[in-house]
Amino acid sequence: MSIFANKIVVITGGSEGIGKALVDAFLQQGAKVATCGRNYDKLYQLQSSYPGKPLLIHTADVSKEVDCHHFIETVIKSFGTIDILINNAGISMRSLLAEVELDTIRKVMDINFWGTVYCTKFALPYITQNKGTIVGVSSIAGYRGLPGRSGYSASKFAVNGWLEAIRTELLDSGTNVMWVCPGFTTSNIRNAALNKDGHSHGETPMDEGKMMSAEECAKHILTAIEKRKRSLVLTFTGKRTVFMNRFFPSLADKLVRKFFYKNGELVK
């Protein structure tokens, strides 16, 4: 029997991408899953694809404290407790600092950072009681600032630092706190990335065929949770980027710029 059987798993942003793959993986392992998202139609479609499965859906915008509070309250009313919280909901951006509206960066921070803070804060008493796990789905951009993604990088650096701080606070409680940093993964996050005006790009310049699938990423996350790891960095490119930035930061600056700039222009 899976160690996740009958565990109560909460996943934010579970209607697509890595979040949806996580919902699928945990349900297959016999867990009871609750997920939230802003689009009810996508959530309803997700729930409809798992008839008879213990899947709770809830419409919520994680950038809003009241929505997060209501979501966690709904989970407790339905399932009674929480064993695992995966803060997966997130949004990216692609714009130079000189061009971007400040509200765009603020929106990215509200969703990626504050969404993680809100849901974790409200779920914390139940998770610590169960000596469970808190996960933040972060990014390589949380280790290495990426050009044209300044707000996204800032939000993920904040998530990593915040989770590291509360991990230390909870070290003797039996609760595990970890952050997962996928490299480029096939998901909707780039299509939904905000432009300088805060609107969705609706397309991505990246070759999705060369990326890790959301399903494979989810499998790695489940394994890391089972082993109660501290952090997880995925893909060879991701691991190489973290290594280079730690030991050869000036060289990393040049390599990252070369990757994101073509013919002198930022790849958006």
Protein backbone atom coordinates (compact mmCIF):
# COMPACT_ATOMS: atom_id res chain seq x y z
CA MET A 1 0.00 0.00 0.00
CA SER A 2 1.23 3.50 -0.85
CA ILE A 3 2.33 5.73 2.03
CA PHE A 4 -0.01 8.34 0.55
CA ALA A 5 -3.10 6.15 0.86
CA ASN A 6 -5.87 8.06 2.69
CA LYS A 7 -3.61 11.07 3.25
CA ILE A 8 -5.23 14.47 2.81
CA VAL A 9 -3.30 16.32 0.12
CA VAL A 10 -3.97 19.97 -0.76
CA ILE A 11 -2.66 21.27 -4.09
CA THR A 12 -3.10 24.85 -5.25
CA GLY A 13 -3.38 25.51 -8.97
CA GLY A 14 -4.38 21.96 -9.80
CA SER A 15 -6.44 22.49 -12.96
CA GLU A 16 -3.51 22.23 -15.41
CA GLY A 17 0.22 21.69 -15.80
CA ILE A 18 2.26 20.35 -12.89
CA GLY A 19 -0.67 20.86 -10.50
CA LYS A 20 -2.98 18.67 -12.57
CA ALA A 21 -0.26 16.03 -12.87
CA LEU A 22 0.12 16.08 -9.08
CA VAL A 23 -3.63 15.67 -8.58
CA ASP A 24 -3.57 12.65 -10.89
CA ALA A 25 -0.51 11.11 -9.22
CA PHE A 26 -1.84 11.44 -5.67
CA LEU A 27 -5.28 10.10 -6.57
CA GLN A 28 -3.59 7.09 -8.15
CA GLN A 29 -1.73 6.59 -4.86
CA GLY A 30 -5.01 6.48 -2.94
CA ALA A 31 -4.84 9.95 -1.40
CA LYS A 32 -7.77 12.27 -0.81
CA VAL A 33 -7.07 15.42 -2.78
CA ALA A 34 -8.31 19.01 -2.61
CA THR A 35 -7.32 21.56 -5.22
CA CYS A 36 -8.15 25.12 -6.12
CA GLY A 37 -7.93 27.38 -9.14
CA ARG A 38 -9.45 30.54 -10.56
CA ASN A 39 -11.29 28.88 -13.45
CA TYR A 40 -14.32 26.89 -12.29
CA ASP A 41 -14.89 25.30 -15.70
CA LYS A 42 -11.39 23.81 -15.72
CA LEU A 43 -11.83 22.58 -12.16
CA TYR A 44 -15.20 21.01 -12.96
CA GLN A 45 -13.72 19.30 -16.01
CA LEU A 46 -10.91 17.97 -13.81
CA GLN A 47 -13.33 16.62 -11.22
CA SER A 48 -15.50 15.06 -13.94
CA SER A 49 -12.52 13.08 -15.20
CA TYR A 50 -12.24 11.32 -11.80
CA PRO A 51 -15.74 9.98 -11.08
CA GLY A 52 -15.97 8.35 -7.68
CA LYS A 53 -12.56 9.63 -6.59
CA PRO A 54 -12.12 11.69 -3.39
CA LEU A 55 -11.34 14.95 -5.20
CA LEU A 56 -12.53 18.28 -3.79
CA ILE A 57 -12.43 21.33 -6.05
CA HIS A 58 -12.70 24.95 -4.93
CA THR A 59 -12.62 28.20 -6.88
CA ALA A 60 -10.03 30.54 -5.37
CA ASP A 61 -7.52 33.21 -6.29
CA VAL A 62 -4.49 32.53 -4.08
CA SER A 63 -3.40 36.17 -4.29
CA LYS A 64 -6.40 36.96 -2.05
CA GLU A 65 -6.07 36.15 1.64
CA VAL A 66 -9.80 35.62 2.11
CA ASP A 67 -9.94 33.13 -0.77
CA CYS A 68 -7.07 31.09 0.70
CA HIS A 69 -8.68 31.12 4.13
CA HIS A 70 -12.00 29.95 2.72
CA PHE A 71 -10.28 27.23 0.67
CA ILE A 72 -8.48 25.76 3.67
CA GLU A 73 -11.65 26.00 5.78
CA THR A 74 -13.54 24.09 3.07
CA VAL A 75 -10.86 21.38 3.06
CA ILE A 76 -11.13 20.98 6.84
CA LYS A 77 -14.93 20.83 6.71
CA SER A 78 -14.75 18.14 4.01
CA PHE A 79 -11.75 16.04 5.09
CA GLY A 80 -11.12 17.04 8.71
CA THR A 81 -7.38 17.69 8.46
CA ILE A 82 -4.41 18.22 6.11
CA ASP A 83 -1.31 16.02 5.80
CA ILE A 84 0.41 17.55 2.78
CA LEU A 85 0.19 21.05 1.30
CA ILE A 86 1.70 21.71 -2.11
CA ASN A 87 1.83 25.39 -3.00
CA ASN A 88 1.86 24.99 -6.76
CA ALA A 89 -0.21 27.92 -8.07
CA GLY A 90 1.96 30.43 -9.86
CA ILE A 91 2.36 32.80 -12.75
CA SER A 92 5.35 34.05 -14.73
CA MET A 93 6.17 37.23 -16.63
CA ARG A 94 8.28 38.23 -19.61
CA SER A 95 9.24 41.88 -19.85
CA LEU A 96 12.25 44.12 -19.38
CA LEU A 97 12.29 46.23 -16.22
CA ALA A 98 12.46 49.41 -18.31
CA GLU A 99 9.16 48.48 -20.00
CA VAL A 100 7.13 46.64 -17.37
CA GLU A 101 4.30 48.18 -15.37
CA LEU A 102 4.91 47.96 -11.63
CA ASP A 103 1.46 46.41 -11.15
CA THR A 104 2.62 43.44 -13.24
CA ILE A 105 5.48 42.69 -10.83
CA ARG A 106 3.12 43.23 -7.90
CA LYS A 107 0.64 40.74 -9.36
CA VAL A 108 3.35 38.11 -9.79
CA MET A 109 4.49 38.60 -6.19
CA ASP A 110 0.92 38.43 -4.89
CA ILE A 111 0.24 35.10 -6.56
CA ASN A 112 3.60 33.35 -6.23
CA PHE A 113 4.78 34.58 -2.84
CA TRP A 114 1.72 35.72 -0.91
CA GLY A 115 -0.35 32.81 -2.20
CA THR A 116 2.21 30.47 -0.68
CA VAL A 117 2.25 32.42 2.59
CA TYR A 118 -1.54 32.56 2.94
CA CYS A 119 -2.26 28.88 2.28
CA THR A 120 0.64 27.70 4.43
CA LYS A 121 -0.34 29.94 7.35
CA PHE A 122 -3.94 28.70 7.40
CA ALA A 123 -3.02 25.03 6.91
CA LEU A 124 -0.10 25.05 9.34
CA PRO A 125 -1.88 23.90 12.57
CA TYR A 126 -3.21 20.77 10.88
CA ILE A 127 0.02 19.89 9.10
CA THR A 128 2.16 20.29 12.22
CA GLN A 129 -0.31 18.21 14.23
CA ASN A 130 0.11 15.41 11.67
CA LYS A 131 3.86 15.94 11.28
CA GLY A 132 3.15 16.35 7.61
CA THR A 133 4.80 18.13 4.70
CA ILE A 134 4.73 21.63 3.25
CA VAL A 135 5.95 21.99 -0.33
CA GLY A 136 6.59 25.05 -2.45
CA VAL A 137 6.82 24.52 -6.20
CA SER A 138 9.45 27.13 -6.93
CA SER A 139 11.79 27.45 -9.92
CA ILE A 140 15.41 27.61 -11.01
CA ALA A 141 14.61 31.34 -11.12
CA GLY A 142 14.56 31.11 -7.33
CA TYR A 143 18.29 30.38 -7.40
CA ARG A 144 19.34 32.43 -10.42
CA GLY A 145 17.76 35.71 -11.54
CA LEU A 146 16.62 35.54 -15.15
CA PRO A 147 16.53 38.53 -17.53
CA GLY A 148 13.06 39.60 -18.55
CA ARG A 149 11.70 37.63 -15.60
CA SER A 150 12.75 39.96 -12.79
CA GLY A 151 9.42 39.87 -10.94
CA TYR A 152 9.14 36.11 -11.36
CA SER A 153 12.70 35.61 -10.11
CA ALA A 154 12.05 37.89 -7.14
CA SER A 155 8.92 35.96 -6.20
CA LYS A 156 10.67 32.60 -6.36
CA PHE A 157 13.72 33.84 -4.41
CA ALA A 158 11.21 35.02 -1.79
CA VAL A 159 9.45 31.64 -1.74
CA ASN A 160 12.72 29.76 -1.32
CA GLY A 161 13.94 32.01 1.48
CA TRP A 162 10.60 32.01 3.27
CA LEU A 163 10.30 28.23 3.14
CA GLU A 164 13.88 27.84 4.36
CA ALA A 165 13.07 30.10 7.30
CA ILE A 166 9.94 28.20 8.35
CA ARG A 167 11.71 24.88 7.75
CA THR A 168 14.19 25.98 10.41
CA GLU A 169 11.38 27.11 12.70
CA LEU A 170 9.68 23.71 12.40
CA LEU A 171 12.82 21.58 12.50
CA ASP A 172 11.98 19.97 15.84
CA SER A 173 8.26 19.59 15.17
CA GLY A 174 8.46 16.59 12.86
CA THR A 175 7.06 18.69 10.01
CA ASN A 176 9.00 18.65 6.75
CA VAL A 177 9.29 21.77 4.61
CA MET A 178 10.74 21.53 1.12
CA TRP A 179 10.96 23.52 -2.08
CA VAL A 180 10.96 22.03 -5.56
CA CYS A 181 12.66 23.80 -8.44
CA PRO A 182 11.76 22.42 -11.85
CA GLY A 183 13.71 23.50 -14.89
CA PHE A 184 11.77 24.18 -18.08
CA THR A 185 8.69 21.93 -17.87
CA THR A 186 5.82 21.43 -20.29
CA SER A 187 3.05 23.40 -18.62
CA ASN A 188 0.85 26.41 -19.29
CA ILE A 189 2.91 28.77 -17.15
CA ARG A 190 4.78 30.28 -20.11
CA ASN A 191 1.63 30.67 -22.21
CA ALA A 192 -0.04 32.39 -19.26
CA ALA A 193 3.04 34.50 -18.48
CA LEU A 194 2.26 38.19 -18.14
CA ASN A 195 3.57 40.78 -20.57
CA LYS A 196 4.68 44.28 -19.58
CA ASP A 197 1.07 45.41 -19.21
CA GLY A 198 0.02 42.46 -17.05
CA HIS A 199 -1.83 40.59 -19.80
CA SER A 200 -1.22 36.99 -20.86
CA HIS A 201 1.30 36.44 -23.66
CA GLY A 202 -0.72 33.48 -24.92
CA GLU A 203 2.36 31.89 -26.49
CA THR A 204 5.85 30.71 -25.58
CA PRO A 205 9.17 31.02 -27.45
CA MET A 206 10.45 27.80 -25.87
CA ASP A 207 10.58 24.38 -27.58
CA GLU A 208 8.26 22.29 -25.39
CA GLY A 209 9.47 19.09 -27.05
CA LYS A 210 12.82 19.34 -25.25
CA MET A 211 11.34 19.86 -21.79
CA MET A 212 10.48 17.54 -18.92
CA SER A 213 6.81 16.59 -18.91
CA ALA A 214 4.54 17.72 -16.11
CA GLU A 215 3.82 14.05 -15.35
CA GLU A 216 7.50 13.21 -14.90
CA CYS A 217 7.97 16.29 -12.73
CA ALA A 218 5.06 15.15 -10.53
CA LYS A 219 6.63 11.72 -10.06
CA HIS A 220 9.87 13.31 -8.86
CA ILE A 221 7.93 15.50 -6.42
CA LEU A 222 6.07 12.52 -4.93
CA THR A 223 9.36 10.68 -4.45
CA ALA A 224 10.92 13.72 -2.78
CA ILE A 225 7.94 14.07 -0.43
CA GLU A 226 8.11 10.39 0.46
CA LYS A 227 11.83 10.74 1.26
CA ARG A 228 11.16 14.00 3.12
CA LYS A 229 13.83 15.86 1.22
CA ARG A 230 14.86 19.44 1.92
CA SER A 231 14.91 20.60 -1.69
CA LEU A 232 14.69 19.22 -5.20
CA VAL A 233 16.28 20.69 -8.32
CA LEU A 234 15.13 19.09 -11.56
CA THR A 235 16.61 18.67 -15.06
CA PHE A 236 20.26 18.67 -16.05
CA THR A 237 20.06 22.28 -17.24
CA GLY A 238 18.53 23.31 -13.93
CA LYS A 239 21.19 21.58 -11.85
CA ARG A 240 23.96 22.99 -14.04
CA THR A 241 22.53 26.50 -13.71
CA VAL A 242 22.39 26.30 -9.91
CA PHE A 243 25.94 24.90 -9.78
CA MET A 244 27.37 27.53 -12.14
CA ASN A 245 25.65 30.37 -10.34
CA ARG A 246 26.97 29.22 -6.98
CA PHE A 247 30.59 28.65 -7.93
CA PHE A 248 31.09 30.74 -11.10
CA PRO A 249 28.56 33.59 -10.85
CA SER A 250 30.21 35.94 -13.35
CA LEU A 251 30.37 33.20 -15.97
CA ALA A 252 26.75 32.33 -15.19
CA ASP A 253 25.80 35.95 -15.92
CA LYS A 254 27.24 35.65 -19.42
CA LEU A 255 25.80 32.21 -20.13
CA VAL A 256 22.32 33.15 -18.94
CA ARG A 257 22.36 36.32 -21.02
CA LYS A 258 23.46 34.35 -24.07
CA PHE A 259 20.61 31.88 -23.53
CA PHE A 260 17.90 34.52 -23.17
CA TYR A 261 19.12 37.00 -25.79
CA LYS A 262 19.08 36.38 -29.54
CA ASN A 263 20.62 38.93 -31.87
CA GLY A 264 20.84 41.36 -28.98
CA GLU A 265 17.14 41.14 -28.14
CA LEU A 266 15.47 39.44 -25.21
CA VAL A 267 13.56 36.28 -26.07
CA LYS A 268 10.07 36.95 -24.72
